[in-house]
Amino acid sequence: MKAVNLTSQDVESTWPAGFFEQTYGALAADPIERLPQGAYPERELLLSLA
């Protein structure tokens, strides 16, 4: 396994110039909506703490 050290230069250069300025708020007119997830299922007890 090889260790990788990232610097702020490495991270900042991965986005095209002006990317965030051009895309910020792009979904304001049609926001992403998270629908209801339903009831949480009961799970089998794996371990007794009694």
PDB file of N, CA and C in Angstrom:
ATOM      1  N   MET A   1       0.853  -1.162   0.000  1.00  0.00           N
ATOM      2  CA  MET A   1       0.000   0.000   0.000  1.00  0.00           C
ATOM      3  C   MET A   1       0.904   1.231   0.000  1.00  0.00           C
ATOM      4  N   LYS A   2       0.536   2.220  -0.772  1.00  0.00           N
ATOM      5  CA  LYS A   2       1.326   3.433  -0.886  1.00  0.00           C
ATOM      6  C   LYS A   2       0.585   4.603  -0.247  1.00  0.00           C
ATOM      7  N   ALA A   3       1.258   5.334   0.633  1.00  0.00           N
ATOM      8  CA  ALA A   3       0.658   6.505   1.274  1.00  0.00           C
ATOM      9  C   ALA A   3       0.618   7.660   0.285  1.00  0.00           C
ATOM     10  N   VAL A   4      -0.444   8.448   0.367  1.00  0.00           N
ATOM     11  CA  VAL A   4      -0.595   9.613  -0.502  1.00  0.00           C
ATOM     12  C   VAL A   4      -0.789  10.835   0.377  1.00  0.00           C
ATOM     13  N   ASN A   5      -0.018  11.861   0.123  1.00  0.00           N
ATOM     14  CA  ASN A   5      -0.155  13.120   0.846  1.00  0.00           C
ATOM     15  C   ASN A   5      -0.757  14.151  -0.088  1.00  0.00           C
ATOM     16  N   LEU A   6      -1.913  14.687   0.291  1.00  0.00           N
ATOM     17  CA  LEU A   6      -2.560  15.728  -0.503  1.00  0.00           C
ATOM     18  C   LEU A   6      -2.233  17.091   0.079  1.00  0.00           C
ATOM     19  N   THR A   7      -1.997  18.030  -0.761  1.00  0.00           N
ATOM     20  CA  THR A   7      -1.808  19.406  -0.325  1.00  0.00           C
ATOM     21  C   THR A   7      -3.007  20.213  -0.798  1.00  0.00           C
ATOM     22  N   SER A   8      -3.172  21.411  -0.284  1.00  0.00           N
ATOM     23  CA  SER A   8      -4.299  22.238  -0.719  1.00  0.00           C
ATOM     24  C   SER A   8      -4.211  22.500  -2.218  1.00  0.00           C
ATOM     25  N   GLN A   9      -3.028  22.577  -2.763  1.00  0.00           N
ATOM     26  CA  GLN A   9      -2.836  22.772  -4.214  1.00  0.00           C
ATOM     27  C   GLN A   9      -3.457  21.597  -4.984  1.00  0.00           C
ATOM     28  N   ASP A  10      -3.218  20.354  -4.500  1.00  0.00           N
ATOM     29  CA  ASP A  10      -3.756  19.169  -5.173  1.00  0.00           C
ATOM     30  C   ASP A  10      -5.279  19.182  -5.177  1.00  0.00           C
ATOM     31  N   VAL A  11      -5.875  19.514  -4.054  1.00  0.00           N
ATOM     32  CA  VAL A  11      -7.326  19.493  -3.926  1.00  0.00           C
ATOM     33  C   VAL A  11      -7.959  20.612  -4.738  1.00  0.00           C
ATOM     34  N   GLU A  12      -7.434  21.808  -4.636  1.00  0.00           N
ATOM     35  CA  GLU A  12      -8.012  22.945  -5.332  1.00  0.00           C
ATOM     36  C   GLU A  12      -7.929  22.803  -6.848  1.00  0.00           C
ATOM     37  N   SER A  13      -6.923  22.130  -7.353  1.00  0.00           N
ATOM     38  CA  SER A  13      -6.748  22.037  -8.798  1.00  0.00           C
ATOM     39  C   SER A  13      -7.643  20.976  -9.441  1.00  0.00           C
ATOM     40  N   THR A  14      -8.394  20.222  -8.643  1.00  0.00           N
ATOM     41  CA  THR A  14      -9.229  19.169  -9.222  1.00  0.00           C
ATOM     42  C   THR A  14     -10.546  19.708  -9.780  1.00  0.00           C
ATOM     43  N   TRP A  15     -10.954  20.910  -9.383  1.00  0.00           N
ATOM     44  CA  TRP A  15     -12.202  21.490  -9.875  1.00  0.00           C
ATOM     45  C   TRP A  15     -11.885  22.519 -10.953  1.00  0.00           C
ATOM     46  N   PRO A  16     -12.654  22.532 -12.031  1.00  0.00           N
ATOM     47  CA  PRO A  16     -12.427  23.546 -13.073  1.00  0.00           C
ATOM     48  C   PRO A  16     -12.624  24.956 -12.517  1.00  0.00           C
ATOM     49  N   ALA A  17     -11.915  25.892 -13.052  1.00  0.00           N
ATOM     50  CA  ALA A  17     -12.039  27.281 -12.613  1.00  0.00           C
ATOM     51  C   ALA A  17     -13.490  27.747 -12.757  1.00  0.00           C
ATOM     52  N   GLY A  18     -14.027  28.374 -11.703  1.00  0.00           N
ATOM     53  CA  GLY A  18     -15.387  28.904 -11.735  1.00  0.00           C
ATOM     54  C   GLY A  18     -16.483  27.867 -11.558  1.00  0.00           C
ATOM     55  N   PHE A  19     -16.121  26.607 -11.281  1.00  0.00           N
ATOM     56  CA  PHE A  19     -17.126  25.536 -11.173  1.00  0.00           C
ATOM     57  C   PHE A  19     -18.201  25.855 -10.138  1.00  0.00           C
ATOM     58  N   PHE A  20     -17.783  26.211  -8.939  1.00  0.00           N
ATOM     59  CA  PHE A  20     -18.769  26.450  -7.880  1.00  0.00           C
ATOM     60  C   PHE A  20     -19.583  27.704  -8.128  1.00  0.00           C
ATOM     61  N   GLU A  21     -18.987  28.732  -8.659  1.00  0.00           N
ATOM     62  CA  GLU A  21     -19.717  29.946  -8.980  1.00  0.00           C
ATOM     63  C   GLU A  21     -20.766  29.683 -10.063  1.00  0.00           C
ATOM     64  N   GLN A  22     -20.483  28.800 -10.990  1.00  0.00           N
ATOM     65  CA  GLN A  22     -21.414  28.503 -12.089  1.00  0.00           C
ATOM     66  C   GLN A  22     -22.509  27.520 -11.692  1.00  0.00           C
ATOM     67  N   THR A  23     -22.249  26.661 -10.698  1.00  0.00           N
ATOM     68  CA  THR A  23     -23.214  25.622 -10.356  1.00  0.00           C
ATOM     69  C   THR A  23     -23.962  25.860  -9.051  1.00  0.00           C
ATOM     70  N   TYR A  24     -23.465  26.743  -8.187  1.00  0.00           N
ATOM     71  CA  TYR A  24     -24.117  26.996  -6.908  1.00  0.00           C
ATOM     72  C   TYR A  24     -25.546  27.492  -7.139  1.00  0.00           C
ATOM     73  N   GLY A  25     -26.513  26.830  -6.523  1.00  0.00           N
ATOM     74  CA  GLY A  25     -27.910  27.226  -6.643  1.00  0.00           C
ATOM     75  C   GLY A  25     -28.593  26.719  -7.900  1.00  0.00           C
ATOM     76  N   ALA A  26     -27.936  25.845  -8.652  1.00  0.00           N
ATOM     77  CA  ALA A  26     -28.499  25.365  -9.917  1.00  0.00           C
ATOM     78  C   ALA A  26     -29.816  24.608  -9.724  1.00  0.00           C
ATOM     79  N   LEU A  27     -30.032  24.014  -8.557  1.00  0.00           N
ATOM     80  CA  LEU A  27     -31.272  23.265  -8.313  1.00  0.00           C
ATOM     81  C   LEU A  27     -32.275  24.050  -7.469  1.00  0.00           C
ATOM     82  N   ALA A  28     -32.084  25.330  -7.318  1.00  0.00           N
ATOM     83  CA  ALA A  28     -32.971  26.139  -6.474  1.00  0.00           C
ATOM     84  C   ALA A  28     -34.420  26.095  -6.955  1.00  0.00           C
ATOM     85  N   ALA A  29     -34.648  26.072  -8.254  1.00  0.00           N
ATOM     86  CA  ALA A  29     -36.010  26.050  -8.794  1.00  0.00           C
ATOM     87  C   ALA A  29     -36.623  24.651  -8.746  1.00  0.00           C
ATOM     88  N   ASP A  30     -35.790  23.630  -8.665  1.00  0.00           N
ATOM     89  CA  ASP A  30     -36.264  22.249  -8.634  1.00  0.00           C
ATOM     90  C   ASP A  30     -35.429  21.462  -7.622  1.00  0.00           C
ATOM     91  N   PRO A  31     -35.618  21.732  -6.322  1.00  0.00           N
ATOM     92  CA  PRO A  31     -34.767  21.104  -5.309  1.00  0.00           C
ATOM     93  C   PRO A  31     -34.960  19.593  -5.223  1.00  0.00           C
ATOM     94  N   ILE A  32     -33.925  18.921  -4.796  1.00  0.00           N
ATOM     95  CA  ILE A  32     -33.996  17.477  -4.575  1.00  0.00           C
ATOM     96  C   ILE A  32     -34.848  17.247  -3.334  1.00  0.00           C
ATOM     97  N   GLU A  33     -35.774  16.320  -3.405  1.00  0.00           N
ATOM     98  CA  GLU A  33     -36.678  16.049  -2.305  1.00  0.00           C
ATOM     99  C   GLU A  33     -36.480  14.619  -1.832  1.00  0.00           C
ATOM    100  N   ARG A  34     -36.313  14.431  -0.537  1.00  0.00           N
ATOM    101  CA  ARG A  34     -36.193  13.090   0.020  1.00  0.00           C
ATOM    102  C   ARG A  34     -37.583  12.623   0.428  1.00  0.00           C
ATOM    103  N   LEU A  35     -38.032  11.548  -0.184  1.00  0.00           N
ATOM    104  CA  LEU A  35     -39.356  11.008   0.103  1.00  0.00           C
ATOM    105  C   LEU A  35     -39.350  10.257   1.426  1.00  0.00           C
ATOM    106  N   PRO A  36     -40.521  10.065   2.050  1.00  0.00           N
ATOM    107  CA  PRO A  36     -40.583   9.320   3.307  1.00  0.00           C
ATOM    108  C   PRO A  36     -39.977   7.927   3.131  1.00  0.00           C
ATOM    109  N   GLN A  37     -39.267   7.472   4.156  1.00  0.00           N
ATOM    110  CA  GLN A  37     -38.568   6.189   4.088  1.00  0.00           C
ATOM    111  C   GLN A  37     -39.397   5.020   4.614  1.00  0.00           C
ATOM    112  N   GLY A  38     -40.550   5.300   5.199  1.00  0.00           N
ATOM    113  CA  GLY A  38     -41.382   4.221   5.715  1.00  0.00           C
ATOM    114  C   GLY A  38     -40.954   3.815   7.123  1.00  0.00           C
ATOM    115  N   ALA A  39     -41.590   2.781   7.641  1.00  0.00           N
ATOM    116  CA  ALA A  39     -41.307   2.312   8.997  1.00  0.00           C
ATOM    117  C   ALA A  39     -39.994   1.543   9.034  1.00  0.00           C
ATOM    118  N   TYR A  40     -39.268   1.704  10.125  1.00  0.00           N
ATOM    119  CA  TYR A  40     -38.018   0.999  10.310  1.00  0.00           C
ATOM    120  C   TYR A  40     -38.325  -0.443  10.700  1.00  0.00           C
ATOM    121  N   PRO A  41     -37.767  -1.441  10.016  1.00  0.00           N
ATOM    122  CA  PRO A  41     -38.078  -2.830  10.329  1.00  0.00           C
ATOM    123  C   PRO A  41     -37.453  -3.266  11.658  1.00  0.00           C
ATOM    124  N   GLU A  42     -38.166  -4.129  12.390  1.00  0.00           N
ATOM    125  CA  GLU A  42     -37.600  -4.678  13.622  1.00  0.00           C
ATOM    126  C   GLU A  42     -36.546  -5.695  13.256  1.00  0.00           C
ATOM    127  N   ARG A  43     -35.443  -5.660  13.983  1.00  0.00           N
ATOM    128  CA  ARG A  43     -34.344  -6.594  13.732  1.00  0.00           C
ATOM    129  C   ARG A  43     -34.253  -7.603  14.849  1.00  0.00           C
ATOM    130  N   GLU A  44     -33.696  -8.745  14.519  1.00  0.00           N
ATOM    131  CA  GLU A  44     -33.487  -9.794  15.490  1.00  0.00           C
ATOM    132  C   GLU A  44     -32.416  -9.343  16.492  1.00  0.00           C
ATOM    133  N   LEU A  45     -32.646  -9.603  17.794  1.00  0.00           N
ATOM    134  CA  LEU A  45     -31.674  -9.266  18.803  1.00  0.00           C
ATOM    135  C   LEU A  45     -30.468 -10.187  18.648  1.00  0.00           C
ATOM    136  N   LEU A  46     -29.292  -9.618  18.550  1.00  0.00           N
ATOM    137  CA  LEU A  46     -28.086 -10.417  18.334  1.00  0.00           C
ATOM    138  C   LEU A  46     -27.407 -10.819  19.631  1.00  0.00           C
ATOM    139  N   LEU A  47     -27.592 -10.051  20.666  1.00  0.00           N
ATOM    140  CA  LEU A  47     -26.823 -10.270  21.879  1.00  0.00           C
ATOM    141  C   LEU A  47     -27.654  -9.845  23.074  1.00  0.00           C
ATOM    142  N   SER A  48     -27.677 -10.663  24.085  1.00  0.00           N
ATOM    143  CA  SER A  48     -28.441 -10.340  25.283  1.00  0.00           C
ATOM    144  C   SER A  48     -27.529  -9.654  26.289  1.00  0.00           C
ATOM    145  N   LEU A  49     -27.943  -8.506  26.801  1.00  0.00           N
ATOM    146  CA  LEU A  49     -27.150  -7.786  27.781  1.00  0.00           C
ATOM    147  C   LEU A  49     -27.611  -8.064  29.203  1.00  0.00           C
ATOM    148  N   ALA A  50     -28.536  -8.994  29.394  1.00  0.00           N
ATOM    149  CA  ALA A  50     -29.071  -9.310  30.730  1.00  0.00           C
ATOM    150  C   ALA A  50     -28.148 -10.191  31.516  1.00  0.00           C
TER     151      ALA A  50
END
